[in-house]
C-alpha atoms as a PDB file:
ATOM      1  CA  UNK A   1     -32.481  32.362   4.593  1.00  0.00           C
ATOM      2  CA  UNK A   2     -36.283  32.412   4.597  1.00  0.00           C
ATOM      3  CA  UNK A   3     -38.022  33.329   1.345  1.00  0.00           C
ATOM      4  CA  UNK A   4     -39.769  36.340   2.956  1.00  0.00           C
ATOM      5  CA  UNK A   5     -36.384  37.740   4.058  1.00  0.00           C
ATOM      6  CA  UNK A   6     -35.003  37.196   0.572  1.00  0.00           C
ATOM      7  CA  UNK A   7     -37.900  39.119  -0.992  1.00  0.00           C
ATOM      8  CA  UNK A   8     -37.489  41.970   1.482  1.00  0.00           C
ATOM      9  CA  UNK A   9     -33.791  42.278   0.688  1.00  0.00           C
ATOM     10  CA  UNK A  10     -34.421  41.972  -3.032  1.00  0.00           C
ATOM     11  CA  UNK A  11     -36.958  44.828  -3.018  1.00  0.00           C
ATOM     12  CA  UNK A  12     -34.529  47.125  -1.222  1.00  0.00           C
ATOM     13  CA  UNK A  13     -31.364  46.182  -3.115  1.00  0.00           C
ATOM     14  CA  UNK A  14     -33.001  45.982  -6.560  1.00  0.00           C
ATOM     15  CA  UNK A  15     -35.913  48.456  -6.706  1.00  0.00           C
ATOM     16  CA  UNK A  16     -35.735  48.347 -10.498  1.00  0.00           C
ATOM     17  CA  UNK A  17     -36.837  44.689 -10.383  1.00  0.00           C
ATOM     18  CA  UNK A  18     -35.039  41.554  -9.281  1.00  0.00           C
ATOM     19  CA  UNK A  19     -32.693  39.565 -11.453  1.00  0.00           C
ATOM     20  CA  UNK A  20     -32.994  35.802 -10.959  1.00  0.00           C
ATOM     21  CA  UNK A  21     -29.286  35.062 -10.263  1.00  0.00           C
ATOM     22  CA  UNK A  22     -29.174  37.743  -7.532  1.00  0.00           C
ATOM     23  CA  UNK A  23     -32.451  36.532  -6.008  1.00  0.00           C
ATOM     24  CA  UNK A  24     -31.053  32.990  -5.821  1.00  0.00           C
ATOM     25  CA  UNK A  25     -27.931  34.350  -4.099  1.00  0.00           C
ATOM     26  CA  UNK A  26     -30.049  36.100  -1.477  1.00  0.00           C
ATOM     27  CA  UNK A  27     -32.088  32.979  -0.835  1.00  0.00           C
ATOM     28  CA  UNK A  28     -28.906  30.951  -0.332  1.00  0.00           C
ATOM     29  CA  UNK A  29     -27.300  33.345   2.164  1.00  0.00           C
ATOM     30  CA  UNK A  30     -26.315  31.668   5.410  1.00  0.00           C
ATOM     31  CA  UNK A  31     -26.653  32.937   8.965  1.00  0.00           C
ATOM     32  CA  UNK A  32     -22.951  33.827   8.793  1.00  0.00           C
ATOM     33  CA  UNK A  33     -23.692  36.725   6.422  1.00  0.00           C
ATOM     34  CA  UNK A  34     -23.666  39.772   8.709  1.00  0.00           C
ATOM     35  CA  UNK A  35     -24.183  42.537   6.185  1.00  0.00           C
ATOM     36  CA  UNK A  36     -24.377  43.235   2.492  1.00  0.00           C
ATOM     37  CA  UNK A  37     -24.597  46.180   0.165  1.00  0.00           C
ATOM     38  CA  UNK A  38     -25.056  47.175  -3.435  1.00  0.00           C
ATOM     39  CA  UNK A  39     -22.542  49.730  -4.704  1.00  0.00           C
ATOM     40  CA  UNK A  40     -23.645  51.135  -8.059  1.00  0.00           C
ATOM     41  CA  UNK A  41     -22.005  54.115  -9.742  1.00  0.00           C
ATOM     42  CA  UNK A  42     -21.236  55.765 -13.077  1.00  0.00           C
ATOM     43  CA  UNK A  43     -17.915  57.590 -13.116  1.00  0.00           C
ATOM     44  CA  UNK A  44     -16.758  59.486 -16.220  1.00  0.00           C
ATOM     45  CA  UNK A  45     -19.061  57.344 -18.355  1.00  0.00           C
ATOM     46  CA  UNK A  46     -17.962  53.982 -16.878  1.00  0.00           C
ATOM     47  CA  UNK A  47     -20.582  51.995 -14.946  1.00  0.00           C
ATOM     48  CA  UNK A  48     -19.875  49.598 -12.087  1.00  0.00           C
ATOM     49  CA  UNK A  49     -22.560  47.651 -10.212  1.00  0.00           C
ATOM     50  CA  UNK A  50     -21.362  45.422  -7.367  1.00  0.00           C
ATOM     51  CA  UNK A  51     -22.994  43.316  -4.660  1.00  0.00           C
ATOM     52  CA  UNK A  52     -20.923  42.844  -1.507  1.00  0.00           C
ATOM     53  CA  UNK A  53     -21.598  40.070   1.034  1.00  0.00           C
ATOM     54  CA  UNK A  54     -19.723  40.227   4.339  1.00  0.00           C
ATOM     55  CA  UNK A  55     -19.345  37.450   6.913  1.00  0.00           C
ATOM     56  CA  UNK A  56     -17.082  37.308   9.959  1.00  0.00           C
ATOM     57  CA  UNK A  57     -13.895  36.435   8.076  1.00  0.00           C
ATOM     58  CA  UNK A  58     -14.707  36.797   4.371  1.00  0.00           C
ATOM     59  CA  UNK A  59     -15.964  39.313   1.806  1.00  0.00           C
ATOM     60  CA  UNK A  60     -17.565  38.152  -1.437  1.00  0.00           C
ATOM     61  CA  UNK A  61     -17.928  40.713  -4.245  1.00  0.00           C
ATOM     62  CA  UNK A  62     -20.184  39.888  -7.208  1.00  0.00           C
ATOM     63  CA  UNK A  63     -20.572  41.934 -10.398  1.00  0.00           C
ATOM     64  CA  UNK A  64     -24.314  42.433 -10.998  1.00  0.00           C
ATOM     65  CA  UNK A  65     -24.086  42.303 -14.803  1.00  0.00           C
ATOM     66  CA  UNK A  66     -21.633  39.450 -15.368  1.00  0.00           C
ATOM     67  CA  UNK A  67     -21.916  37.471 -12.091  1.00  0.00           C
ATOM     68  CA  UNK A  68     -18.105  37.420 -11.931  1.00  0.00           C
ATOM     69  CA  UNK A  69     -17.079  37.115  -8.274  1.00  0.00           C
ATOM     70  CA  UNK A  70     -14.055  37.806  -6.085  1.00  0.00           C
ATOM     71  CA  UNK A  71     -13.599  36.426  -2.582  1.00  0.00           C
ATOM     72  CA  UNK A  72     -11.289  37.862   0.088  1.00  0.00           C
ATOM     73  CA  UNK A  73     -10.284  36.209   3.365  1.00  0.00           C
ATOM     74  CA  UNK A  74     -10.181  38.948   5.994  1.00  0.00           C
ATOM     75  CA  UNK A  75      -7.636  37.033   8.064  1.00  0.00           C
ATOM     76  CA  UNK A  76      -5.048  38.104   5.498  1.00  0.00           C
ATOM     77  CA  UNK A  77      -4.269  41.781   6.076  1.00  0.00           C
ATOM     78  CA  UNK A  78      -2.984  42.322   2.542  1.00  0.00           C
ATOM     79  CA  UNK A  79      -6.475  41.618   1.213  1.00  0.00           C
ATOM     80  CA  UNK A  80      -7.755  44.951   2.513  1.00  0.00           C
ATOM     81  CA  UNK A  81      -5.955  46.772  -0.292  1.00  0.00           C
ATOM     82  CA  UNK A  82      -7.441  44.362  -2.840  1.00  0.00           C
ATOM     83  CA  UNK A  83     -10.947  45.024  -1.510  1.00  0.00           C
ATOM     84  CA  UNK A  84     -10.401  48.770  -1.588  1.00  0.00           C
ATOM     85  CA  UNK A  85      -9.055  48.667  -5.128  1.00  0.00           C
ATOM     86  CA  UNK A  86     -11.871  46.499  -6.466  1.00  0.00           C
ATOM     87  CA  UNK A  87     -14.680  48.458  -4.842  1.00  0.00           C
ATOM     88  CA  UNK A  88     -13.488  52.045  -4.763  1.00  0.00           C
ATOM     89  CA  UNK A  89     -10.737  52.737  -7.295  1.00  0.00           C
ATOM     90  CA  UNK A  90     -13.220  53.576 -10.051  1.00  0.00           C
ATOM     91  CA  UNK A  91     -14.979  56.261  -7.988  1.00  0.00           C
ATOM     92  CA  UNK A  92     -13.620  59.609  -9.194  1.00  0.00           C
ATOM     93  CA  UNK A  93     -13.998  61.816  -6.140  1.00  0.00           C
ATOM     94  CA  UNK A  94     -11.595  64.673  -5.347  1.00  0.00           C
ATOM     95  CA  UNK A  95      -8.939  63.364  -2.948  1.00  0.00           C
ATOM     96  CA  UNK A  96     -10.075  65.527  -0.037  1.00  0.00           C
ATOM     97  CA  UNK A  97     -13.209  67.523   0.772  1.00  0.00           C
ATOM     98  CA  UNK A  98     -13.387  71.300   0.588  1.00  0.00           C
ATOM     99  CA  UNK A  99     -13.392  71.797   4.367  1.00  0.00           C
ATOM    100  CA  UNK A 100     -15.573  71.052   7.387  1.00  0.00           C
ATOM    101  CA  UNK A 101     -18.770  72.625   6.088  1.00  0.00           C
ATOM    102  CA  UNK A 102     -22.101  71.814   7.767  1.00  0.00           C
ATOM    103  CA  UNK A 103     -24.426  69.564   5.790  1.00  0.00           C
ATOM    104  CA  UNK A 104     -27.184  71.031   3.666  1.00  0.00           C
ATOM    105  CA  UNK A 105     -30.666  69.886   4.761  1.00  0.00           C
ATOM    106  CA  UNK A 106     -33.704  69.692   2.507  1.00  0.00           C
ATOM    107  CA  UNK A 107     -36.666  67.585   1.447  1.00  0.00           C
ATOM    108  CA  UNK A 108     -35.691  64.402  -0.397  1.00  0.00           C
ATOM    109  CA  UNK A 109     -38.605  64.735  -2.799  1.00  0.00           C
ATOM    110  CA  UNK A 110     -37.792  68.396  -3.450  1.00  0.00           C
ATOM    111  CA  UNK A 111     -34.178  67.496  -4.206  1.00  0.00           C
ATOM    112  CA  UNK A 112     -35.248  64.762  -6.603  1.00  0.00           C
ATOM    113  CA  UNK A 113     -37.500  67.193  -8.478  1.00  0.00           C
ATOM    114  CA  UNK A 114     -34.732  69.812  -8.706  1.00  0.00           C
ATOM    115  CA  UNK A 115     -32.247  67.215  -9.929  1.00  0.00           C
ATOM    116  CA  UNK A 116     -34.620  66.008 -12.658  1.00  0.00           C
ATOM    117  CA  UNK A 117     -34.683  69.539 -14.080  1.00  0.00           C
ATOM    118  CA  UNK A 118     -30.970  70.245 -13.626  1.00  0.00           C
ATOM    119  CA  UNK A 119     -30.023  69.536 -17.245  1.00  0.00           C
ATOM    120  CA  UNK A 120     -32.576  72.070 -18.478  1.00  0.00           C
ATOM    121  CA  UNK A 121     -31.907  74.777 -15.868  1.00  0.00           C
ATOM    122  CA  UNK A 122     -29.208  77.428 -15.874  1.00  0.00           C
ATOM    123  CA  UNK A 123     -26.672  77.300 -13.044  1.00  0.00           C
ATOM    124  CA  UNK A 124     -28.048  80.517 -11.526  1.00  0.00           C
ATOM    125  CA  UNK A 125     -31.600  79.143 -11.620  1.00  0.00           C
ATOM    126  CA  UNK A 126     -30.463  75.866 -10.087  1.00  0.00           C
ATOM    127  CA  UNK A 127     -28.586  77.754  -7.329  1.00  0.00           C
ATOM    128  CA  UNK A 128     -31.715  79.772  -6.510  1.00  0.00           C
ATOM    129  CA  UNK A 129     -33.791  76.586  -6.260  1.00  0.00           C
ATOM    130  CA  UNK A 130     -31.228  74.953  -3.964  1.00  0.00           C
ATOM    131  CA  UNK A 131     -31.023  78.050  -1.759  1.00  0.00           C
ATOM    132  CA  UNK A 132     -34.817  78.184  -1.473  1.00  0.00           C
ATOM    133  CA  UNK A 133     -34.882  74.514  -0.466  1.00  0.00           C
ATOM    134  CA  UNK A 134     -32.000  74.680   2.049  1.00  0.00           C
ATOM    135  CA  UNK A 135     -31.865  78.278   3.274  1.00  0.00           C
ATOM    136  CA  UNK A 136     -28.081  78.287   2.704  1.00  0.00           C
ATOM    137  CA  UNK A 137     -26.783  80.583  -0.040  1.00  0.00           C
ATOM    138  CA  UNK A 138     -23.047  79.820  -0.144  1.00  0.00           C
ATOM    139  CA  UNK A 139     -22.987  76.034   0.085  1.00  0.00           C
ATOM    140  CA  UNK A 140     -26.116  75.712  -2.066  1.00  0.00           C
ATOM    141  CA  UNK A 141     -24.309  77.395  -4.965  1.00  0.00           C
ATOM    142  CA  UNK A 142     -21.419  74.926  -4.652  1.00  0.00           C
ATOM    143  CA  UNK A 143     -23.825  71.985  -4.481  1.00  0.00           C
ATOM    144  CA  UNK A 144     -25.783  73.278  -7.487  1.00  0.00           C
ATOM    145  CA  UNK A 145     -22.536  73.477  -9.483  1.00  0.00           C
ATOM    146  CA  UNK A 146     -21.759  69.831  -8.686  1.00  0.00           C
ATOM    147  CA  UNK A 147     -25.298  68.669  -9.537  1.00  0.00           C
ATOM    148  CA  UNK A 148     -25.209  70.601 -12.815  1.00  0.00           C
ATOM    149  CA  UNK A 149     -21.720  69.490 -13.900  1.00  0.00           C
ATOM    150  CA  UNK A 150     -21.498  66.067 -12.275  1.00  0.00           C
ATOM    151  CA  UNK A 151     -19.242  63.429 -13.805  1.00  0.00           C
ATOM    152  CA  UNK A 152     -19.845  60.929 -10.995  1.00  0.00           C
ATOM    153  CA  UNK A 153     -23.123  59.613  -9.594  1.00  0.00           C
ATOM    154  CA  UNK A 154     -23.595  56.571  -7.395  1.00  0.00           C
ATOM    155  CA  UNK A 155     -25.542  54.972  -4.598  1.00  0.00           C
ATOM    156  CA  UNK A 156     -25.074  52.633  -1.651  1.00  0.00           C
ATOM    157  CA  UNK A 157     -27.855  50.307  -0.488  1.00  0.00           C
ATOM    158  CA  UNK A 158     -26.751  48.810   2.816  1.00  0.00           C
ATOM    159  CA  UNK A 159     -28.283  45.919   4.768  1.00  0.00           C
ATOM    160  CA  UNK A 160     -27.139  44.874   8.252  1.00  0.00           C
ATOM    161  CA  UNK A 161     -28.334  41.840  10.187  1.00  0.00           C
ATOM    162  CA  UNK A 162     -29.268  42.062  13.863  1.00  0.00           C
ATOM    163  CA  UNK A 163     -31.195  39.885  16.300  1.00  0.00           C
ATOM    164  CA  UNK A 164     -34.382  41.655  15.196  1.00  0.00           C
ATOM    165  CA  UNK A 165     -33.872  41.071  11.481  1.00  0.00           C
ATOM    166  CA  UNK A 166     -32.399  43.316   8.793  1.00  0.00           C
ATOM    167  CA  UNK A 167     -31.952  47.094   8.931  1.00  0.00           C
ATOM    168  CA  UNK A 168     -31.642  49.205   5.785  1.00  0.00           C
ATOM    169  CA  UNK A 169     -29.643  52.326   5.013  1.00  0.00           C
ATOM    170  CA  UNK A 170     -29.363  54.364   1.850  1.00  0.00           C
ATOM    171  CA  UNK A 171     -26.850  56.942   0.675  1.00  0.00           C
ATOM    172  CA  UNK A 172     -25.853  58.377  -2.672  1.00  0.00           C
ATOM    173  CA  UNK A 173     -22.873  60.392  -3.856  1.00  0.00           C
ATOM    174  CA  UNK A 174     -21.971  62.700  -6.717  1.00  0.00           C
ATOM    175  CA  UNK A 175     -19.114  64.934  -7.796  1.00  0.00           C
ATOM    176  CA  UNK A 176     -17.940  67.432 -10.345  1.00  0.00           C
ATOM    177  CA  UNK A 177     -14.240  68.047 -10.936  1.00  0.00           C
ATOM    178  CA  UNK A 178     -13.814  70.223  -7.849  1.00  0.00           C
ATOM    179  CA  UNK A 179     -16.140  68.868  -5.142  1.00  0.00           C
ATOM    180  CA  UNK A 180     -17.682  65.573  -4.049  1.00  0.00           C
ATOM    181  CA  UNK A 181     -20.847  65.120  -1.979  1.00  0.00           C
ATOM    182  CA  UNK A 182     -22.261  62.379   0.227  1.00  0.00           C
ATOM    183  CA  UNK A 183     -26.046  62.436   0.339  1.00  0.00           C
ATOM    184  CA  UNK A 184     -27.835  60.726   3.212  1.00  0.00           C
ATOM    185  CA  UNK A 185     -31.580  60.397   2.842  1.00  0.00           C
ATOM    186  CA  UNK A 186     -34.688  58.778   4.246  1.00  0.00           C
ATOM    187  CA  UNK A 187     -35.614  55.315   2.973  1.00  0.00           C
ATOM    188  CA  UNK A 188     -39.267  54.979   3.936  1.00  0.00           C
ATOM    189  CA  UNK A 189     -42.342  56.722   2.569  1.00  0.00           C
ATOM    190  CA  UNK A 190     -43.204  58.102   6.026  1.00  0.00           C
ATOM    191  CA  UNK A 191     -40.101  60.352   6.128  1.00  0.00           C
ATOM    192  CA  UNK A 192     -38.885  63.018   3.729  1.00  0.00           C
ATOM    193  CA  UNK A 193     -35.390  64.361   4.438  1.00  0.00           C
ATOM    194  CA  UNK A 194     -31.982  64.572   2.838  1.00  0.00           C
ATOM    195  CA  UNK A 195     -28.603  65.917   3.908  1.00  0.00           C
ATOM    196  CA  UNK A 196     -25.701  66.700   1.570  1.00  0.00           C
ATOM    197  CA  UNK A 197     -22.157  67.165   2.877  1.00  0.00           C
ATOM    198  CA  UNK A 198     -18.869  67.699   1.012  1.00  0.00           C
ATOM    199  CA  UNK A 199     -16.767  64.525   0.890  1.00  0.00           C
ATOM    200  CA  UNK A 200     -13.376  63.583  -0.540  1.00  0.00           C
ATOM    201  CA  UNK A 201     -12.144  60.211  -1.766  1.00  0.00           C
ATOM    202  CA  UNK A 202     -10.050  59.602   1.371  1.00  0.00           C
ATOM    203  CA  UNK A 203     -12.974  60.358   3.690  1.00  0.00           C
ATOM    204  CA  UNK A 204     -15.464  58.320   1.639  1.00  0.00           C
ATOM    205  CA  UNK A 205     -13.141  55.312   1.389  1.00  0.00           C
ATOM    206  CA  UNK A 206     -12.351  55.344   5.110  1.00  0.00           C
ATOM    207  CA  UNK A 207     -16.034  55.522   6.088  1.00  0.00           C
ATOM    208  CA  UNK A 208     -17.024  52.753   3.687  1.00  0.00           C
ATOM    209  CA  UNK A 209     -14.230  50.410   4.782  1.00  0.00           C
ATOM    210  CA  UNK A 210     -15.024  51.019   8.467  1.00  0.00           C
ATOM    211  CA  UNK A 211     -18.588  49.893   7.842  1.00  0.00           C
ATOM    212  CA  UNK A 212     -17.493  46.971   5.684  1.00  0.00           C
ATOM    213  CA  UNK A 213     -15.011  45.553   8.177  1.00  0.00           C
ATOM    214  CA  UNK A 214     -16.263  46.646  11.592  1.00  0.00           C
ATOM    215  CA  UNK A 215     -20.033  47.096  11.238  1.00  0.00           C
ATOM    216  CA  UNK A 216     -19.834  50.834  11.884  1.00  0.00           C
ATOM    217  CA  UNK A 217     -22.908  52.546  10.344  1.00  0.00           C
ATOM    218  CA  UNK A 218     -22.162  54.770   7.364  1.00  0.00           C
ATOM    219  CA  UNK A 219     -25.565  56.440   7.685  1.00  0.00           C
ATOM    220  CA  UNK A 220     -28.195  56.383  10.393  1.00  0.00           C
ATOM    221  CA  UNK A 221     -30.361  53.257  10.262  1.00  0.00           C
ATOM    222  CA  UNK A 222     -33.986  53.744   9.337  1.00  0.00           C
END
Protein backbone atom coordinates (compact mmCIF):
# COMPACT_ATOMS: atom_id res chain seq x y z
CA UNK A 1 0.00 0.00 0.00
CA UNK A 2 1.16 3.53 -0.78
CA UNK A 3 2.07 5.77 2.16
CA UNK A 4 -0.60 8.36 1.20
CA UNK A 5 -3.30 5.65 1.30
CA UNK A 6 -2.02 4.48 4.67
CA UNK A 7 -2.23 8.00 6.10
CA UNK A 8 -5.75 8.46 4.74
CA UNK A 9 -6.91 5.23 6.34
CA UNK A 10 -5.12 6.02 9.58
CA UNK A 11 -6.83 9.42 9.90
CA UNK A 12 -10.26 7.87 9.42
CA UNK A 13 -9.76 4.76 11.56
CA UNK A 14 -7.84 6.50 14.37
CA UNK A 15 -9.04 10.13 14.64
CA UNK A 16 -7.65 10.25 18.17
CA UNK A 17 -4.12 9.91 16.73
CA UNK A 18 -2.33 6.99 15.14
CA UNK A 19 -0.56 4.27 17.05
CA UNK A 20 2.67 3.12 15.40
CA UNK A 21 1.89 -0.65 15.30
CA UNK A 22 -1.47 0.00 13.59
CA UNK A 23 0.09 2.45 11.13
CA UNK A 24 2.70 -0.17 10.18
CA UNK A 25 -0.10 -2.71 9.64
CA UNK A 26 -1.90 -0.33 7.28
CA UNK A 27 1.26 0.34 5.32
CA UNK A 28 1.85 -3.40 4.90
CA UNK A 29 -1.65 -4.21 3.64
CA UNK A 30 -1.64 -6.03 0.32
CA UNK A 31 -3.91 -5.56 -2.68
CA UNK A 32 -5.81 -8.64 -1.48
CA UNK A 33 -7.28 -6.67 1.45
CA UNK A 34 -10.78 -5.77 0.24
CA UNK A 35 -12.15 -4.05 3.31
CA UNK A 36 -11.39 -3.29 6.92
CA UNK A 37 -13.08 -1.79 9.92
CA UNK A 38 -12.53 -0.68 13.48
CA UNK A 39 -15.12 -1.95 15.95
CA UNK A 40 -14.81 -0.11 19.27
CA UNK A 41 -17.35 -0.38 22.07
CA UNK A 42 -17.86 -0.18 25.83
CA UNK A 43 -20.51 -2.58 27.11
CA UNK A 44 -21.44 -2.67 30.81
CA UNK A 45 -18.06 -1.15 31.67
CA UNK A 46 -15.98 -3.54 29.52
CA UNK A 47 -14.09 -2.02 26.57
CA UNK A 48 -13.23 -3.81 23.34
CA UNK A 49 -11.33 -2.21 20.45
CA UNK A 50 -10.76 -4.40 17.38
CA UNK A 51 -9.35 -3.91 13.89
CA UNK A 52 -10.72 -6.27 11.24
CA UNK A 53 -8.97 -6.90 7.90
CA UNK A 54 -10.88 -8.87 5.27
CA UNK A 55 -9.47 -10.47 2.12
CA UNK A 56 -11.15 -12.88 -0.29
CA UNK A 57 -10.73 -15.99 1.87
CA UNK A 58 -9.47 -14.78 5.25
CA UNK A 59 -10.37 -12.46 8.14
CA UNK A 60 -7.69 -11.12 10.47
CA UNK A 61 -8.82 -9.59 13.78
CA UNK A 62 -6.33 -7.55 15.81
CA UNK A 63 -6.87 -6.15 19.32
CA UNK A 64 -5.90 -2.45 19.24
CA UNK A 65 -4.51 -2.38 22.79
CA UNK A 66 -2.58 -5.65 22.97
CA UNK A 67 -1.92 -6.41 19.27
CA UNK A 68 -3.14 -9.97 19.90
CA UNK A 69 -4.50 -11.35 16.62
CA UNK A 70 -6.85 -14.09 15.42
CA UNK A 71 -7.02 -15.33 11.84
CA UNK A 72 -9.97 -17.17 10.27
CA UNK A 73 -10.00 -19.00 6.94
CA UNK A 74 -13.38 -18.31 5.34
CA UNK A 75 -13.24 -21.55 3.37
CA UNK A 76 -14.09 -23.32 6.62
CA UNK A 77 -17.78 -22.74 7.35
CA UNK A 78 -17.40 -23.41 11.07
CA UNK A 79 -15.20 -20.33 11.36
CA UNK A 80 -18.19 -18.02 10.89
CA UNK A 81 -19.36 -18.77 14.42
CA UNK A 82 -15.86 -18.06 15.76
CA UNK A 83 -15.80 -14.69 13.99
CA UNK A 84 -19.24 -13.80 15.30
CA UNK A 85 -18.32 -14.77 18.85
CA UNK A 86 -15.05 -12.86 18.85
CA UNK A 87 -16.45 -9.68 17.34
CA UNK A 88 -20.01 -9.46 18.60
CA UNK A 89 -20.59 -11.52 21.73
CA UNK A 90 -19.56 -8.67 24.03
CA UNK A 91 -22.10 -6.23 22.55
CA UNK A 92 -25.04 -6.15 24.97
CA UNK A 93 -27.95 -5.25 22.71
CA UNK A 94 -31.50 -6.48 23.33
CA UNK A 95 -32.05 -9.63 21.26
CA UNK A 96 -34.63 -8.04 18.97
CA UNK A 97 -35.67 -4.47 18.16
CA UNK A 98 -38.87 -2.89 19.43
CA UNK A 99 -40.65 -3.04 16.06
CA UNK A 100 -40.37 -1.56 12.57
CA UNK A 101 -40.28 2.09 13.59
CA UNK A 102 -39.10 4.72 11.08
CA UNK A 103 -35.68 6.21 11.76
CA UNK A 104 -35.34 9.50 13.60
CA UNK A 105 -33.62 12.20 11.51
CA UNK A 106 -31.68 15.13 12.92
CA UNK A 107 -28.51 17.18 12.65
CA UNK A 108 -25.37 15.27 13.61
CA UNK A 109 -23.88 18.30 15.34
CA UNK A 110 -27.12 18.96 17.22
CA UNK A 111 -27.21 15.35 18.40
CA UNK A 112 -23.62 15.54 19.59
CA UNK A 113 -24.37 18.68 21.59
CA UNK A 114 -27.47 17.11 23.17
CA UNK A 115 -25.54 13.96 24.05
CA UNK A 116 -22.76 15.95 25.73
CA UNK A 117 -25.34 17.44 28.10
CA UNK A 118 -27.30 14.23 28.67
CA UNK A 119 -25.69 13.41 32.02
CA UNK A 120 -26.67 16.81 33.39
CA UNK A 121 -30.19 16.97 31.92
CA UNK A 122 -33.37 15.45 33.29
CA UNK A 123 -35.07 12.81 31.15
CA UNK A 124 -38.00 15.14 30.41
CA UNK A 125 -35.63 17.93 29.35
CA UNK A 126 -33.66 15.53 27.17
CA UNK A 127 -36.89 14.25 25.56
CA UNK A 128 -37.97 17.82 24.76
CA UNK A 129 -34.59 18.53 23.13
CA UNK A 130 -34.79 15.36 21.04
CA UNK A 131 -38.36 16.12 19.96
CA UNK A 132 -37.37 19.65 18.94
CA UNK A 133 -34.49 18.27 16.89
CA UNK A 134 -36.44 15.44 15.20
CA UNK A 135 -40.08 16.54 15.17
CA UNK A 136 -41.09 13.09 16.49
CA UNK A 137 -42.55 12.98 20.01
CA UNK A 138 -43.03 9.26 20.66
CA UNK A 139 -39.80 7.78 19.32
CA UNK A 140 -37.76 10.74 20.57
CA UNK A 141 -38.78 9.95 24.15
CA UNK A 142 -37.64 6.34 23.72
CA UNK A 143 -34.35 7.46 22.17
CA UNK A 144 -33.80 10.01 24.95
CA UNK A 145 -34.29 7.26 27.55
CA UNK A 146 -31.62 5.12 25.87
CA UNK A 147 -29.17 8.04 25.57
CA UNK A 148 -29.73 8.96 29.22
CA UNK A 149 -29.48 5.42 30.63
CA UNK A 150 -27.12 3.80 28.13
CA UNK A 151 -24.97 0.87 29.23
CA UNK A 152 -23.58 0.26 25.74
CA UNK A 153 -21.88 2.68 23.36
CA UNK A 154 -19.84 1.80 20.30
CA UNK A 155 -18.81 2.76 16.80
CA UNK A 156 -17.95 1.20 13.46
CA UNK A 157 -15.44 2.81 11.09
CA UNK A 158 -15.65 0.94 7.80
CA UNK A 159 -13.31 1.12 4.79
CA UNK A 160 -14.00 -0.63 1.48
CA UNK A 161 -11.64 -0.82 -1.49
CA UNK A 162 -12.84 -0.20 -5.04
CA UNK A 163 -11.18 0.57 -8.36
CA UNK A 164 -11.33 4.27 -7.47
CA UNK A 165 -9.66 3.90 -4.08
CA UNK A 166 -11.15 3.61 -0.59
CA UNK A 167 -14.66 4.58 0.51
CA UNK A 168 -15.49 5.35 4.13
CA UNK A 169 -18.60 4.73 6.21
CA UNK A 170 -19.35 5.50 9.82
CA UNK A 171 -22.00 4.23 12.22
CA UNK A 172 -22.39 4.14 15.97
CA UNK A 173 -24.69 2.23 18.30
CA UNK A 174 -25.98 2.50 21.85
CA UNK A 175 -28.47 0.78 24.12
CA UNK A 176 -30.14 0.85 27.49
CA UNK A 177 -31.64 -2.30 29.00
CA UNK A 178 -34.79 -2.16 26.87
CA UNK A 179 -33.82 -0.75 23.46
CA UNK A 180 -30.82 -0.63 21.13
CA UNK A 181 -30.15 1.94 18.40
CA UNK A 182 -28.08 2.04 15.23
CA UNK A 183 -26.97 5.55 14.35
CA UNK A 184 -25.92 6.32 10.79
CA UNK A 185 -24.30 9.70 10.25
CA UNK A 186 -22.39 11.85 7.81
CA UNK A 187 -18.60 11.54 7.76
CA UNK A 188 -17.49 14.70 6.00
CA UNK A 189 -17.56 18.31 7.15
CA UNK A 190 -19.72 19.32 4.17
CA UNK A 191 -22.72 17.27 5.40
CA UNK A 192 -24.60 17.34 8.69
CA UNK A 193 -27.14 14.55 9.16
CA UNK A 194 -27.84 11.61 11.43
CA UNK A 195 -30.48 8.89 11.54
CA UNK A 196 -31.26 6.71 14.56
CA UNK A 197 -33.26 3.48 14.22
CA UNK A 198 -34.11 0.81 16.81
CA UNK A 199 -31.95 -2.30 16.41
CA UNK A 200 -31.69 -5.66 18.16
CA UNK A 201 -28.68 -7.94 18.54
CA UNK A 202 -29.93 -10.38 15.88
CA UNK A 203 -30.49 -7.60 13.34
CA UNK A 204 -27.17 -5.87 14.11
CA UNK A 205 -25.18 -9.11 13.93
CA UNK A 206 -26.78 -10.16 10.64
CA UNK A 207 -26.12 -6.77 9.01
CA UNK A 208 -22.51 -6.67 10.21
CA UNK A 209 -21.73 -10.22 9.07
CA UNK A 210 -23.33 -9.58 5.66
CA UNK A 211 -20.98 -6.65 5.15
CA UNK A 212 -17.99 -8.55 6.51
CA UNK A 213 -18.42 -11.59 4.28
CA UNK A 214 -20.20 -10.33 1.17
CA UNK A 215 -19.27 -6.64 0.85
CA UNK A 216 -22.85 -5.50 1.42
CA UNK A 217 -22.83 -1.89 2.72
CA UNK A 218 -23.96 -1.49 6.32
CA UNK A 219 -24.46 2.24 5.81
CA UNK A 220 -24.54 4.42 2.73
CA UNK A 221 -21.05 5.27 1.46
CA UNK A 222 -20.00 8.89 1.70
